[in-house]
Amino acid sequence: YNKVFSYCLGIVGALSIIFVILITSVEVVVYSDSYFQKEYSKYNITDNTKISQEDLMYVTNEMMDYLVDKRENLDNIVVKINDVNKEFFNEREKAHMVDVKFLFVKAMELRIICIVIALITIITALWKNNNLYNYIKSIRRTVISFFILITVLAGIISTNF
């Protein structure tokens, strides 16, 4: 019974840690100005939209502020397009960003929940001292299985496209 419990504890802990790492890595990329600058350059966005790189970065920073509740809405974000000052986001885009913000906020909440779950599983494994070895073994197996599954799924998906 103790061995099964520690394995289950390890699986829950490993999945929680995986979600924390996944959500954090996405957040790090999304909040990196250099990422957006590279993407804007790569796809020639300034030429295609007739918006300067500075204005694009301004819009990006305002949008990121909105996603983390530093900004109430996306109103009055004005940029120069073809030498004319215009509001960047239309009503449809603003409505879409409400959904994006909801998902973003929920992902941040999920990360906090997963951190708490991971800490609880670690504390429980330490408390049940004799189960620590099985707990760590279970975490290792879960993480390896997860990455094998992701690799297989990526291979299947890439062959279908």
Foldseek 3Di string as FASTA:
>chain_A
DLLVVLLVLLLLLLVLVVLLVVLVVVVVLLPDLVNVLVVCVVVVVCVVFVFDPVLVSVLSVVLVCCLVVVDVFQPPSWTQTPNDIDRDDDPVRRVVSVVVSVVNVVSVVSNVVSVVSNVVSVVVCVVVVVSVVSSVVSSVVNVVVVVVVVVVVVVVVVVVD
